[in-house]
Protein backbone atom coordinates (compact mmCIF):
# COMPACT_ATOMS: atom_id res chain seq x y z
CA MET A 1 93.60 55.23 -142.46
CA MET A 2 93.61 52.10 -140.73
CA ALA A 3 91.47 50.30 -143.55
CA GLY A 4 93.69 47.30 -144.39
CA VAL A 5 96.76 47.18 -142.17
CA LEU A 6 96.33 43.93 -140.90
CA ALA A 7 95.09 43.12 -144.59
CA GLY A 8 96.30 39.31 -144.90
CA CYS A 9 98.51 37.79 -141.89
CA GLY A 10 95.29 36.25 -140.82
CA ILE A 11 94.48 38.84 -138.74
CA ILE A 12 91.43 41.03 -140.65
CA PRO A 13 89.73 40.56 -144.33
CA GLY A 14 91.87 42.66 -146.90
CA GLY A 15 91.32 46.08 -146.99
CA SER A 16 90.14 48.36 -150.34
CA THR A 17 93.33 50.55 -150.96
CA GLY A 18 95.87 49.04 -153.17
CA SER A 19 99.62 50.43 -154.44
CA GLN A 20 101.62 49.64 -157.16
CA GLY A 21 104.07 47.27 -155.49
CA PRO A 22 107.12 47.80 -153.45
CA GLY A 23 108.60 50.12 -155.83
CA GLY A 24 105.60 52.27 -155.79
CA THR A 25 103.33 54.43 -153.82
CA GLY A 26 99.82 53.86 -152.38
CA GLY A 27 97.41 53.49 -155.10
CA THR A 28 94.10 55.50 -153.68
CA GLY A 29 95.55 58.81 -153.05
CA ALA A 30 96.69 59.21 -156.65
CA GLN A 31 93.46 59.14 -158.22
CA GLY A 32 92.75 62.31 -160.33
CA ASP A 33 96.89 62.52 -161.28
CA THR A 34 96.86 63.18 -165.56
CA ASN A 35 100.60 64.37 -165.73
CA SER A 36 102.55 62.37 -167.79
CA PRO A 37 106.45 61.56 -166.55
CA GLY A 38 107.45 63.80 -169.07
CA GLN A 39 105.33 67.00 -167.28
CA ALA A 40 107.62 66.85 -164.13
CA ALA A 41 109.59 63.43 -163.66
CA SER A 42 111.60 63.40 -166.73
CA THR A 43 113.17 66.96 -165.91
CA GLY A 44 112.43 67.37 -162.08
CA ALA A 45 110.51 69.55 -160.67
CA ALA A 46 109.09 72.45 -162.54
CA ASN A 47 110.33 76.03 -160.72
CA PRO A 48 107.35 76.41 -158.85
CA SER A 49 109.06 80.51 -158.01
CA GLN A 50 108.37 81.21 -161.78
CA SER A 51 104.68 81.79 -161.21
CA SER A 52 102.74 83.29 -158.15
CA GLY A 53 100.07 80.38 -158.74
CA VAL A 54 99.62 76.61 -160.21
CA ASP A 55 96.94 74.43 -161.27
CA VAL A 56 98.50 71.65 -160.79
CA LEU A 57 101.36 70.54 -158.30
CA PRO A 58 104.65 69.98 -160.58
CA TYR A 59 105.23 66.86 -158.16
CA THR A 60 103.08 64.07 -159.32
CA LYS A 61 103.02 60.59 -158.58
CA ASP A 62 104.82 59.55 -161.45
CA TYR A 63 107.69 61.67 -159.98
CA ILE A 64 107.55 60.20 -156.73
CA ASP A 65 107.67 56.73 -158.08
CA GLN A 66 110.83 57.81 -160.38
CA HIS A 67 112.60 59.73 -157.22
CA LEU A 68 112.26 57.20 -154.32
CA THR A 69 113.26 53.75 -155.83
CA GLY A 70 115.46 52.56 -153.20
CA ASP A 71 115.50 51.96 -149.27
CA PHE A 72 113.55 54.65 -146.66
CA ALA A 73 112.00 55.45 -143.17
CA VAL A 74 109.52 57.84 -142.70
CA SER A 75 107.08 58.35 -139.70
CA TYR A 76 104.30 60.83 -139.02
CA ASP A 77 101.96 62.24 -136.66
CA SER A 78 98.73 62.52 -138.18
CA VAL A 79 95.48 64.02 -136.85
CA THR A 80 92.69 63.04 -138.25
CA GLU A 81 88.88 64.42 -137.74
CA GLY A 82 87.30 63.10 -134.99
CA SER A 83 90.35 62.12 -133.03
CA GLY A 84 92.20 65.80 -131.91
CA THR A 85 95.07 63.51 -131.22
CA ALA A 86 97.93 62.90 -132.90
CA GLU A 87 98.41 59.33 -133.84
CA ARG A 88 101.98 58.04 -135.13
CA TYR A 89 102.26 55.98 -138.37
CA ALA A 90 105.61 54.71 -139.92
CA LEU A 91 107.18 52.60 -142.79
CA THR A 92 110.57 51.43 -143.46
CA ARG A 93 111.42 49.70 -146.90
CA THR A 94 114.48 47.75 -147.68
CA ALA A 95 115.03 45.01 -150.20
CA GLU A 96 114.05 42.68 -147.30
CA GLY A 97 110.76 43.80 -146.62
CA TYR A 98 108.81 46.40 -144.70
CA TYR A 99 108.53 47.61 -141.30
CA LEU A 100 105.08 49.07 -140.42
CA GLU A 101 103.48 51.21 -137.38
CA ALA A 102 99.67 52.41 -137.76
CA VAL A 103 98.73 53.46 -134.65
CA THR A 104 98.85 50.76 -132.07
CA THR A 105 99.58 48.04 -134.59
CA VAL A 106 102.95 46.99 -135.07
CA MET A 107 104.26 44.81 -138.39
CA LEU A 108 107.20 43.45 -139.85
CA TYR A 109 106.56 41.90 -143.69
CA LEU A 110 109.24 39.62 -144.66
CA LYS A 111 109.89 38.99 -148.00
CA SER A 112 109.62 35.19 -148.95
CA GLY A 113 108.94 33.65 -152.47
CA ASP A 114 105.97 35.70 -154.15
CA GLY A 115 104.59 36.39 -150.84
CA TYR A 116 105.94 37.52 -147.28
CA ASP A 117 106.63 36.21 -143.80
CA CYS A 118 104.39 38.33 -141.15
CA TYR A 119 105.42 39.50 -138.17
CA MET A 120 103.51 41.08 -134.94
CA ARG A 121 105.06 43.02 -132.50
CA LEU A 122 103.70 42.26 -129.03
CA SER A 123 103.23 44.47 -125.96
CA ASP A 124 106.05 43.15 -124.49
CA GLY A 125 107.96 44.46 -127.63
CA LYS A 126 108.52 41.19 -129.19
CA PHE A 127 107.72 40.04 -132.80
CA GLN A 128 105.19 36.80 -132.99
CA LYS A 129 104.86 35.03 -136.82
CA VAL A 130 101.50 35.05 -137.88
CA ALA A 131 100.12 33.81 -141.31
CA PRO A 132 101.55 34.91 -144.23
CA ALA A 133 100.54 37.51 -146.89
CA THR A 134 100.43 37.81 -150.60
CA GLN A 135 102.21 41.01 -151.94
CA ALA A 136 98.63 42.36 -152.49
CA GLN A 137 97.51 42.42 -149.09
CA VAL A 138 100.92 44.14 -147.95
CA ASP A 139 100.71 46.64 -150.60
CA SER A 140 97.22 47.26 -149.03
CA SER A 141 98.60 47.57 -145.47
CA VAL A 142 101.46 49.39 -146.59
CA ALA A 143 99.25 51.89 -148.36
CA ALA A 144 98.50 53.43 -144.54
CA VAL A 145 101.29 55.94 -144.88
CA THR A 146 101.81 55.74 -148.55
CA ASP A 147 98.95 57.25 -149.46
CA MET A 148 100.51 60.35 -146.98
CA PHE A 149 103.07 60.72 -149.73
CA VAL A 150 100.97 61.12 -152.71
CA GLN A 151 98.36 63.63 -150.56
CA HIS A 152 99.09 66.61 -152.68
CA VAL A 153 98.23 64.49 -156.21
CA GLY A 154 95.39 65.78 -158.12
CA GLN A 155 94.32 68.54 -155.63
CA SER A 156 94.80 72.38 -156.86
CA TRP A 157 92.73 74.81 -154.27
CA GLY A 158 93.91 77.32 -156.20
CA LEU A 159 97.20 76.88 -154.17
CA LYS A 160 100.13 79.08 -154.54
CA TYR A 161 103.79 78.10 -153.92
CA ALA A 162 104.96 79.59 -150.74
CA GLY A 163 108.61 79.22 -150.10
CA THR A 164 111.18 76.79 -148.94
CA GLU A 165 111.10 75.40 -145.46
CA THR A 166 112.28 72.31 -144.04
CA ILE A 167 110.32 69.56 -142.49
CA ALA A 168 112.17 66.66 -140.75
CA GLY A 169 115.21 67.68 -142.05
CA ARG A 170 114.36 67.76 -146.08
CA ASP A 171 113.98 70.84 -147.87
CA CYS A 172 110.50 70.83 -149.17
CA ASP A 173 108.63 73.56 -151.14
CA LYS A 174 105.43 74.55 -149.74
CA TYR A 175 101.87 75.19 -151.11
CA ALA A 176 99.22 76.86 -149.96
CA ALA A 177 95.74 78.23 -150.29
CA GLU A 178 92.77 79.41 -148.28
CA VAL A 179 89.21 79.19 -149.96
CA PRO A 180 85.52 80.51 -148.81
CA SER A 181 83.84 77.33 -147.31
CA GLY A 182 79.98 78.48 -145.87
CA GLY A 183 80.81 81.02 -143.28
CA GLY A 184 83.83 80.49 -142.90
CA SER A 185 87.49 79.97 -144.58
CA LEU A 186 89.78 76.60 -145.57
CA THR A 187 93.29 77.18 -145.13
CA VAL A 188 95.54 74.13 -147.05
CA ALA A 189 98.97 73.63 -147.32
CA TYR A 190 101.19 70.87 -148.44
CA TRP A 191 104.91 70.44 -147.66
CA ILE A 192 106.80 68.83 -150.59
CA ASP A 193 110.12 67.24 -150.52
CA LYS A 194 112.01 68.32 -153.69
CA ALA A 195 114.39 64.96 -153.88
CA THR A 196 111.51 62.69 -154.07
CA GLY A 197 107.99 64.55 -154.03
CA VAL A 198 106.64 62.97 -150.98
CA CYS A 199 104.07 64.76 -149.16
CA LEU A 200 105.86 65.58 -145.42
CA LYS A 201 103.33 67.83 -143.92
CA TYR A 202 100.08 68.66 -144.80
CA ASP A 203 97.83 71.36 -142.69
CA TYR A 204 93.85 71.44 -143.22
CA ILE A 205 92.47 74.26 -141.11
CA SER A 206 88.59 74.87 -141.28
CA HIS A 207 87.93 78.76 -139.76
CA SER A 208 83.92 79.17 -139.20
CA PRO A 209 82.53 81.36 -136.69
CA GLY A 210 83.77 80.48 -133.19
CA GLU A 211 85.73 77.40 -134.10
CA THR A 212 88.81 76.60 -135.71
CA GLN A 213 89.47 72.91 -136.94
CA ASN A 214 93.02 71.82 -137.71
CA LEU A 215 93.41 68.92 -139.04
CA GLY A 216 96.80 66.85 -141.01
CA PHE A 217 99.85 65.21 -140.52
CA VAL A 218 103.81 66.33 -140.25
CA ALA A 219 106.26 64.01 -141.11
CA LEU A 220 108.92 63.61 -137.93
CA GLU A 221 111.77 61.64 -140.25
CA PHE A 222 112.31 60.97 -143.69
CA LYS A 223 115.45 59.39 -144.66
CA THR A 224 116.65 57.53 -147.89
CA SER A 225 120.26 55.85 -146.49
CA ASN A 226 121.36 54.01 -143.63
CA VAL A 227 117.56 52.21 -143.29
CA THR A 228 117.12 48.71 -141.82
CA LEU A 229 114.65 46.50 -140.82
CA PRO A 230 114.33 45.75 -136.87
CA SER A 231 115.23 42.43 -135.70
CA HIS A 232 112.25 39.90 -135.41
CA GLY A 233 114.16 37.43 -133.18
């Protein structure tokens, strides 16, 4: 997920992910989404309780793009393969720009003309201005978080609707499946925010003889009002 976090800003070469810009979500996670907006976004997500199984989740990338149009702030704890420990990712978006946390890297991107002024937070908590970035470079950086939004898009796994739960204070629909894998099994589950279609929790649990591996992430906060960027002064 760190690829592209420091794209631009004169720090490391640009990453390979992408997104649609301030109004959209990250690009790499949405591949495979073949739904048109009319299937979900135009009337809201289909009622998942009508069926015990789903071929494609009703919350598509189009649904997210149409329902998450304003300011937001989100933070996740993510456990990735090989780490075994939680890493913090956070993103705030307002009309002025973005605030991004990706593990130990903290960046502030403020709109300036066609691009962004970039500020990196130092170990003393203060922000230092670094080289400016283009819109494409900032999009690539924030995809470290927005790709989590669309973790569920294009996935099925034979998923079934598993009820409603609350994640980060938000009402979420849960979809889950257990599938055989080699001599064991995989348990996969997604918790999707009803209001925006954003994935707020993801579990991928691999069961094999004598070993269980749990990967995924969970949102600690997700709000779409009273959102501000930190001061860089």
